[in-house]
Amino acid sequence: MTTDIAFDVELDASGLSCPLPILKAKKALNTLESGQVLKIITTDPGALRDFQAFAVQTGNALLGQQEAGASCTHYLKRR
């Protein structure tokens, strides 16, 4: 989708399978102020779809997703 998005906190969920990346992201988002951005790195093949659904369900904005080889980076903006 896009690159070079400014973020406040980075979460490396590489090697974790669903639902752990989502659960860790939810926990990290709870520590952020409204408007701050969380960068999440995942290797789970289903994470692209999972984070799209998570953003819709929680009302947090999905600013972008990037695939690079086996890893994926997601940017969520706290509502």
PDB file of N, CA and C in Angstrom:
ATOM      1  N   MET A   1       0.821  -1.190   0.000  1.00  0.00           N
ATOM      2  CA  MET A   1       0.000   0.000   0.000  1.00  0.00           C
ATOM      3  C   MET A   1       0.868   1.259   0.000  1.00  0.00           C
ATOM      4  N   THR A   2       1.663   1.443   1.053  1.00  0.00           N
ATOM      5  CA  THR A   2       2.458   2.662   1.124  1.00  0.00           C
ATOM      6  C   THR A   2       3.696   2.436   1.989  1.00  0.00           C
ATOM      7  N   THR A   3       4.653   3.327   1.897  1.00  0.00           N
ATOM      8  CA  THR A   3       5.891   3.187   2.657  1.00  0.00           C
ATOM      9  C   THR A   3       6.186   4.463   3.432  1.00  0.00           C
ATOM     10  N   ASP A   4       7.153   4.350   4.335  1.00  0.00           N
ATOM     11  CA  ASP A   4       7.635   5.502   5.100  1.00  0.00           C
ATOM     12  C   ASP A   4       6.537   6.233   5.877  1.00  0.00           C
ATOM     13  N   ILE A   5       5.729   5.490   6.579  1.00  0.00           N
ATOM     14  CA  ILE A   5       4.709   6.075   7.450  1.00  0.00           C
ATOM     15  C   ILE A   5       5.359   6.322   8.811  1.00  0.00           C
ATOM     16  N   ALA A   6       5.182   7.517   9.338  1.00  0.00           N
ATOM     17  CA  ALA A   6       5.721   7.831  10.662  1.00  0.00           C
ATOM     18  C   ALA A   6       4.959   7.026  11.711  1.00  0.00           C
ATOM     19  N   PHE A   7       5.691   6.481  12.681  1.00  0.00           N
ATOM     20  CA  PHE A   7       5.042   5.691  13.725  1.00  0.00           C
ATOM     21  C   PHE A   7       5.624   6.047  15.084  1.00  0.00           C
ATOM     22  N   ASP A   8       4.877   5.728  16.139  1.00  0.00           N
ATOM     23  CA  ASP A   8       5.296   6.034  17.498  1.00  0.00           C
ATOM     24  C   ASP A   8       5.883   4.828  18.217  1.00  0.00           C
ATOM     25  N   VAL A   9       5.313   3.650  17.959  1.00  0.00           N
ATOM     26  CA  VAL A   9       5.742   2.422  18.627  1.00  0.00           C
ATOM     27  C   VAL A   9       5.828   1.308  17.591  1.00  0.00           C
ATOM     28  N   GLU A  10       6.868   0.468  17.728  1.00  0.00           N
ATOM     29  CA  GLU A  10       7.030  -0.673  16.823  1.00  0.00           C
ATOM     30  C   GLU A  10       6.851  -1.967  17.611  1.00  0.00           C
ATOM     31  N   LEU A  11       6.110  -2.903  17.033  1.00  0.00           N
ATOM     32  CA  LEU A  11       5.874  -4.209  17.628  1.00  0.00           C
ATOM     33  C   LEU A  11       6.324  -5.266  16.635  1.00  0.00           C
ATOM     34  N   ASP A  12       7.261  -6.109  17.030  1.00  0.00           N
ATOM     35  CA  ASP A  12       7.723  -7.190  16.165  1.00  0.00           C
ATOM     36  C   ASP A  12       7.017  -8.475  16.575  1.00  0.00           C
ATOM     37  N   ALA A  13       6.063  -8.904  15.741  1.00  0.00           N
ATOM     38  CA  ALA A  13       5.318 -10.133  16.006  1.00  0.00           C
ATOM     39  C   ALA A  13       5.749 -11.236  15.035  1.00  0.00           C
ATOM     40  N   SER A  14       6.958 -11.124  14.515  1.00  0.00           N
ATOM     41  CA  SER A  14       7.491 -12.128  13.593  1.00  0.00           C
ATOM     42  C   SER A  14       7.531 -13.498  14.261  1.00  0.00           C
ATOM     43  N   GLY A  15       7.172 -14.515  13.495  1.00  0.00           N
ATOM     44  CA  GLY A  15       7.216 -15.881  14.018  1.00  0.00           C
ATOM     45  C   GLY A  15       5.973 -16.283  14.786  1.00  0.00           C
ATOM     46  N   LEU A  16       5.083 -15.352  15.054  1.00  0.00           N
ATOM     47  CA  LEU A  16       3.856 -15.661  15.796  1.00  0.00           C
ATOM     48  C   LEU A  16       2.719 -15.953  14.826  1.00  0.00           C
ATOM     49  N   SER A  17       1.881 -16.912  15.194  1.00  0.00           N
ATOM     50  CA  SER A  17       0.727 -17.265  14.363  1.00  0.00           C
ATOM     51  C   SER A  17      -0.533 -16.643  14.931  1.00  0.00           C
ATOM     52  N   CYS A  18      -1.521 -16.487  14.067  1.00  0.00           N
ATOM     53  CA  CYS A  18      -2.822 -15.961  14.454  1.00  0.00           C
ATOM     54  C   CYS A  18      -3.368 -16.789  15.616  1.00  0.00           C
ATOM     55  N   PRO A  19      -3.924 -16.182  16.637  1.00  0.00           N
ATOM     56  CA  PRO A  19      -4.290 -14.776  16.775  1.00  0.00           C
ATOM     57  C   PRO A  19      -3.272 -13.930  17.541  1.00  0.00           C
ATOM     58  N   LEU A  20      -2.091 -14.464  17.815  1.00  0.00           N
ATOM     59  CA  LEU A  20      -1.132 -13.738  18.668  1.00  0.00           C
ATOM     60  C   LEU A  20      -0.724 -12.361  18.139  1.00  0.00           C
ATOM     61  N   PRO A  21      -0.450 -12.180  16.836  1.00  0.00           N
ATOM     62  CA  PRO A  21      -0.104 -10.818  16.391  1.00  0.00           C
ATOM     63  C   PRO A  21      -1.214  -9.797  16.665  1.00  0.00           C
ATOM     64  N   ILE A  22      -2.464 -10.212  16.472  1.00  0.00           N
ATOM     65  CA  ILE A  22      -3.601  -9.311  16.736  1.00  0.00           C
ATOM     66  C   ILE A  22      -3.700  -9.018  18.227  1.00  0.00           C
ATOM     67  N   LEU A  23      -3.556 -10.036  19.058  1.00  0.00           N
ATOM     68  CA  LEU A  23      -3.661  -9.836  20.512  1.00  0.00           C
ATOM     69  C   LEU A  23      -2.558  -8.910  21.013  1.00  0.00           C
ATOM     70  N   LYS A  24      -1.340  -9.103  20.522  1.00  0.00           N
ATOM     71  CA  LYS A  24      -0.229  -8.235  20.931  1.00  0.00           C
ATOM     72  C   LYS A  24      -0.438  -6.805  20.426  1.00  0.00           C
ATOM     73  N   ALA A  25      -0.970  -6.670  19.223  1.00  0.00           N
ATOM     74  CA  ALA A  25      -1.245  -5.336  18.678  1.00  0.00           C
ATOM     75  C   ALA A  25      -2.317  -4.637  19.508  1.00  0.00           C
ATOM     76  N   LYS A  26      -3.351  -5.382  19.890  1.00  0.00           N
ATOM     77  CA  LYS A  26      -4.428  -4.801  20.701  1.00  0.00           C
ATOM     78  C   LYS A  26      -3.877  -4.292  22.036  1.00  0.00           C
ATOM     79  N   LYS A  27      -3.013  -5.104  22.654  1.00  0.00           N
ATOM     80  CA  LYS A  27      -2.411  -4.724  23.928  1.00  0.00           C
ATOM     81  C   LYS A  27      -1.535  -3.473  23.760  1.00  0.00           C
ATOM     82  N   ALA A  28      -0.751  -3.430  22.679  1.00  0.00           N
ATOM     83  CA  ALA A  28       0.123  -2.274  22.428  1.00  0.00           C
ATOM     84  C   ALA A  28      -0.701  -1.022  22.132  1.00  0.00           C
ATOM     85  N   LEU A  29      -1.780  -1.170  21.363  1.00  0.00           N
ATOM     86  CA  LEU A  29      -2.640  -0.015  21.054  1.00  0.00           C
ATOM     87  C   LEU A  29      -3.233   0.583  22.320  1.00  0.00           C
ATOM     88  N   ASN A  30      -3.517  -0.256  23.302  1.00  0.00           N
ATOM     89  CA  ASN A  30      -4.096   0.228  24.558  1.00  0.00           C
ATOM     90  C   ASN A  30      -3.144   1.127  25.338  1.00  0.00           C
ATOM     91  N   THR A  31      -1.851   1.058  25.023  1.00  0.00           N
ATOM     92  CA  THR A  31      -0.873   1.903  25.721  1.00  0.00           C
ATOM     93  C   THR A  31      -0.658   3.232  25.008  1.00  0.00           C
ATOM     94  N   LEU A  32      -1.208   3.368  23.793  1.00  0.00           N
ATOM     95  CA  LEU A  32      -1.001   4.574  22.994  1.00  0.00           C
ATOM     96  C   LEU A  32      -2.090   5.610  23.233  1.00  0.00           C
ATOM     97  N   GLU A  33      -1.742   6.857  22.958  1.00  0.00           N
ATOM     98  CA  GLU A  33      -2.713   7.945  22.990  1.00  0.00           C
ATOM     99  C   GLU A  33      -3.476   7.949  21.668  1.00  0.00           C
ATOM    100  N   SER A  34      -4.645   8.537  21.657  1.00  0.00           N
ATOM    101  CA  SER A  34      -5.418   8.672  20.426  1.00  0.00           C
ATOM    102  C   SER A  34      -4.599   9.410  19.372  1.00  0.00           C
ATOM    103  N   GLY A  35      -4.563   8.863  18.151  1.00  0.00           N
ATOM    104  CA  GLY A  35      -3.825   9.485  17.063  1.00  0.00           C
ATOM    105  C   GLY A  35      -2.411   8.962  16.880  1.00  0.00           C
ATOM    106  N   GLN A  36      -1.889   8.236  17.874  1.00  0.00           N
ATOM    107  CA  GLN A  36      -0.549   7.672  17.726  1.00  0.00           C
ATOM    108  C   GLN A  36      -0.605   6.453  16.806  1.00  0.00           C
ATOM    109  N   VAL A  37       0.545   6.125  16.200  1.00  0.00           N
ATOM    110  CA  VAL A  37       0.609   5.052  15.207  1.00  0.00           C
ATOM    111  C   VAL A  37       1.473   3.901  15.702  1.00  0.00           C
ATOM    112  N   LEU A  38       0.946   2.694  15.535  1.00  0.00           N
ATOM    113  CA  LEU A  38       1.644   1.462  15.887  1.00  0.00           C
ATOM    114  C   LEU A  38       2.079   0.764  14.611  1.00  0.00           C
ATOM    115  N   LYS A  39       3.365   0.421  14.532  1.00  0.00           N
ATOM    116  CA  LYS A  39       3.903  -0.361  13.413  1.00  0.00           C
ATOM    117  C   LYS A  39       4.043  -1.800  13.893  1.00  0.00           C
ATOM    118  N   ILE A  40       3.459  -2.744  13.151  1.00  0.00           N
ATOM    119  CA  ILE A  40       3.508  -4.156  13.520  1.00  0.00           C
ATOM    120  C   ILE A  40       4.168  -4.936  12.394  1.00  0.00           C
ATOM    121  N   ILE A  41       5.160  -5.742  12.738  1.00  0.00           N
ATOM    122  CA  ILE A  41       5.832  -6.602  11.759  1.00  0.00           C
ATOM    123  C   ILE A  41       5.376  -8.040  12.013  1.00  0.00           C
ATOM    124  N   THR A  42       4.890  -8.700  10.963  1.00  0.00           N
ATOM    125  CA  THR A  42       4.386 -10.066  11.092  1.00  0.00           C
ATOM    126  C   THR A  42       4.964 -10.962   9.992  1.00  0.00           C
ATOM    127  N   THR A  43       4.891 -12.269  10.243  1.00  0.00           N
ATOM    128  CA  THR A  43       5.284 -13.254   9.227  1.00  0.00           C
ATOM    129  C   THR A  43       4.156 -14.239   8.956  1.00  0.00           C
ATOM    130  N   ASP A  44       3.044 -14.122   9.666  1.00  0.00           N
ATOM    131  CA  ASP A  44       1.885 -14.992   9.458  1.00  0.00           C
ATOM    132  C   ASP A  44       1.232 -14.639   8.126  1.00  0.00           C
ATOM    133  N   PRO A  45       1.082 -15.620   7.210  1.00  0.00           N
ATOM    134  CA  PRO A  45       0.502 -15.327   5.888  1.00  0.00           C
ATOM    135  C   PRO A  45      -0.909 -14.732   5.946  1.00  0.00           C
ATOM    136  N   GLY A  46      -1.664 -15.027   6.986  1.00  0.00           N
ATOM    137  CA  GLY A  46      -3.023 -14.504   7.099  1.00  0.00           C
ATOM    138  C   GLY A  46      -3.112 -13.126   7.730  1.00  0.00           C
ATOM    139  N   ALA A  47      -1.970 -12.566   8.108  1.00  0.00           N
ATOM    140  CA  ALA A  47      -1.974 -11.302   8.860  1.00  0.00           C
ATOM    141  C   ALA A  47      -2.528 -10.127   8.061  1.00  0.00           C
ATOM    142  N   LEU A  48      -2.297 -10.091   6.752  1.00  0.00           N
ATOM    143  CA  LEU A  48      -2.829  -8.989   5.940  1.00  0.00           C
ATOM    144  C   LEU A  48      -4.333  -8.874   6.127  1.00  0.00           C
ATOM    145  N   ARG A  49      -5.017  -9.953   5.919  1.00  0.00           N
ATOM    146  CA  ARG A  49      -6.474 -10.000   6.046  1.00  0.00           C
ATOM    147  C   ARG A  49      -6.907  -9.781   7.503  1.00  0.00           C
ATOM    148  N   ASP A  50      -6.158 -10.397   8.432  1.00  0.00           N
ATOM    149  CA  ASP A  50      -6.497 -10.271   9.856  1.00  0.00           C
ATOM    150  C   ASP A  50      -6.466  -8.820  10.323  1.00  0.00           C
ATOM    151  N   PHE A  51      -5.430  -8.075   9.929  1.00  0.00           N
ATOM    152  CA  PHE A  51      -5.316  -6.686  10.375  1.00  0.00           C
ATOM    153  C   PHE A  51      -6.335  -5.784   9.683  1.00  0.00           C
ATOM    154  N   GLN A  52      -6.718  -6.126   8.457  1.00  0.00           N
ATOM    155  CA  GLN A  52      -7.779  -5.370   7.784  1.00  0.00           C
ATOM    156  C   GLN A  52      -9.093  -5.531   8.560  1.00  0.00           C
ATOM    157  N   ALA A  53      -9.414  -6.759   8.948  1.00  0.00           N
ATOM    158  CA  ALA A  53     -10.637  -7.029   9.714  1.00  0.00           C
ATOM    159  C   ALA A  53     -10.559  -6.397  11.103  1.00  0.00           C
ATOM    160  N   PHE A  54      -9.390  -6.484  11.739  1.00  0.00           N
ATOM    161  CA  PHE A  54      -9.191  -5.916  13.074  1.00  0.00           C
ATOM    162  C   PHE A  54      -9.443  -4.412  13.059  1.00  0.00           C
ATOM    163  N   ALA A  55      -8.937  -3.726  12.040  1.00  0.00           N
ATOM    164  CA  ALA A  55      -9.126  -2.279  11.944  1.00  0.00           C
ATOM    165  C   ALA A  55     -10.602  -1.922  11.818  1.00  0.00           C
ATOM    166  N   VAL A  56     -11.326  -2.666  10.999  1.00  0.00           N
ATOM    167  CA  VAL A  56     -12.761  -2.411  10.821  1.00  0.00           C
ATOM    168  C   VAL A  56     -13.507  -2.661  12.131  1.00  0.00           C
ATOM    169  N   GLN A  57     -13.191  -3.763  12.803  1.00  0.00           N
ATOM    170  CA  GLN A  57     -13.893  -4.131  14.040  1.00  0.00           C
ATOM    171  C   GLN A  57     -13.620  -3.180  15.194  1.00  0.00           C
ATOM    172  N   THR A  58     -12.407  -2.633  15.263  1.00  0.00           N
ATOM    173  CA  THR A  58     -12.032  -1.807  16.417  1.00  0.00           C
ATOM    174  C   THR A  58     -12.153  -0.314  16.164  1.00  0.00           C
ATOM    175  N   GLY A  59     -12.263   0.086  14.900  1.00  0.00           N
ATOM    176  CA  GLY A  59     -12.345   1.506  14.586  1.00  0.00           C
ATOM    177  C   GLY A  59     -10.998   2.199  14.525  1.00  0.00           C
ATOM    178  N   ASN A  60      -9.911   1.431  14.670  1.00  0.00           N
ATOM    179  CA  ASN A  60      -8.572   1.994  14.498  1.00  0.00           C
ATOM    180  C   ASN A  60      -8.280   2.051  13.005  1.00  0.00           C
ATOM    181  N   ALA A  61      -7.602   3.099  12.555  1.00  0.00           N
ATOM    182  CA  ALA A  61      -7.349   3.274  11.120  1.00  0.00           C
ATOM    183  C   ALA A  61      -6.148   2.455  10.682  1.00  0.00           C
ATOM    184  N   LEU A  62      -6.316   1.686   9.623  1.00  0.00           N
ATOM    185  CA  LEU A  62      -5.210   0.955   9.014  1.00  0.00           C
ATOM    186  C   LEU A  62      -4.607   1.880   7.957  1.00  0.00           C
ATOM    187  N   LEU A  63      -3.457   2.469   8.285  1.00  0.00           N
ATOM    188  CA  LEU A  63      -2.844   3.470   7.413  1.00  0.00           C
ATOM    189  C   LEU A  63      -2.134   2.855   6.219  1.00  0.00           C
ATOM    190  N   GLY A  64      -1.675   1.624   6.377  1.00  0.00           N
ATOM    191  CA  GLY A  64      -0.974   0.979   5.281  1.00  0.00           C
ATOM    192  C   GLY A  64      -0.485  -0.396   5.652  1.00  0.00           C
ATOM    193  N   GLN A  65      -0.203  -1.193   4.627  1.00  0.00           N
ATOM    194  CA  GLN A  65       0.368  -2.523   4.787  1.00  0.00           C
ATOM    195  C   GLN A  65       1.395  -2.715   3.679  1.00  0.00           C
ATOM    196  N   GLN A  66       2.526  -3.322   4.026  1.00  0.00           N
ATOM    197  CA  GLN A  66       3.581  -3.584   3.053  1.00  0.00           C
ATOM    198  C   GLN A  66       4.020  -5.031   3.180  1.00  0.00           C
ATOM    199  N   GLU A  67       4.160  -5.695   2.052  1.00  0.00           N
ATOM    200  CA  GLU A  67       4.719  -7.036   2.043  1.00  0.00           C
ATOM    201  C   GLU A  67       6.155  -6.943   1.546  1.00  0.00           C
ATOM    202  N   ALA A  68       7.059  -7.631   2.234  1.00  0.00           N
ATOM    203  CA  ALA A  68       8.462  -7.681   1.823  1.00  0.00           C
ATOM    204  C   ALA A  68       8.955  -9.103   2.081  1.00  0.00           C
ATOM    205  N   GLY A  69       8.930  -9.917   1.033  1.00  0.00           N
ATOM    206  CA  GLY A  69       9.327 -11.316   1.206  1.00  0.00           C
ATOM    207  C   GLY A  69       8.331 -12.034   2.096  1.00  0.00           C
ATOM    208  N   ALA A  70       8.845 -12.657   3.152  1.00  0.00           N
ATOM    209  CA  ALA A  70       7.985 -13.425   4.057  1.00  0.00           C
ATOM    210  C   ALA A  70       7.360 -12.560   5.145  1.00  0.00           C
ATOM    211  N   SER A  71       7.772 -11.311   5.242  1.00  0.00           N
ATOM    212  CA  SER A  71       7.232 -10.474   6.314  1.00  0.00           C
ATOM    213  C   SER A  71       6.280  -9.423   5.778  1.00  0.00           C
ATOM    214  N   CYS A  72       5.466  -8.938   6.675  1.00  0.00           N
ATOM    215  CA  CYS A  72       4.455  -7.929   6.355  1.00  0.00           C
ATOM    216  C   CYS A  72       4.515  -6.862   7.450  1.00  0.00           C
ATOM    217  N   THR A  73       4.364  -5.603   7.053  1.00  0.00           N
ATOM    218  CA  THR A  73       4.339  -4.517   8.023  1.00  0.00           C
ATOM    219  C   THR A  73       2.992  -3.823   7.941  1.00  0.00           C
ATOM    220  N   HIS A  74       2.412  -3.577   9.092  1.00  0.00           N
ATOM    221  CA  HIS A  74       1.091  -2.961   9.191  1.00  0.00           C
ATOM    222  C   HIS A  74       1.214  -1.702  10.040  1.00  0.00           C
ATOM    223  N   TYR A  75       0.459  -0.667   9.679  1.00  0.00           N
ATOM    224  CA  TYR A  75       0.448   0.592  10.429  1.00  0.00           C
ATOM    225  C   TYR A  75      -0.968   0.879  10.879  1.00  0.00           C
ATOM    226  N   LEU A  76      -1.167   0.879  12.185  1.00  0.00           N
ATOM    227  CA  LEU A  76      -2.484   1.155  12.765  1.00  0.00           C
ATOM    228  C   LEU A  76      -2.442   2.453  13.550  1.00  0.00           C
ATOM    229  N   LYS A  77      -3.415   3.316  13.298  1.00  0.00           N
ATOM    230  CA  LYS A  77      -3.531   4.580  14.024  1.00  0.00           C
ATOM    231  C   LYS A  77      -4.626   4.430  15.071  1.00  0.00           C
ATOM    232  N   ARG A  78      -4.250   4.687  16.327  1.00  0.00           N
ATOM    233  CA  ARG A  78      -5.210   4.532  17.422  1.00  0.00           C
ATOM    234  C   ARG A  78      -6.341   5.537  17.291  1.00  0.00           C
ATOM    235  N   ARG A  79      -7.565   5.048  17.499  1.00  0.00           N
ATOM    236  CA  ARG A  79      -8.736   5.913  17.398  1.00  0.00           C
ATOM    237  C   ARG A  79      -8.833   6.836  18.589  1.00  0.00           C
TER     238      ARG A  79
END
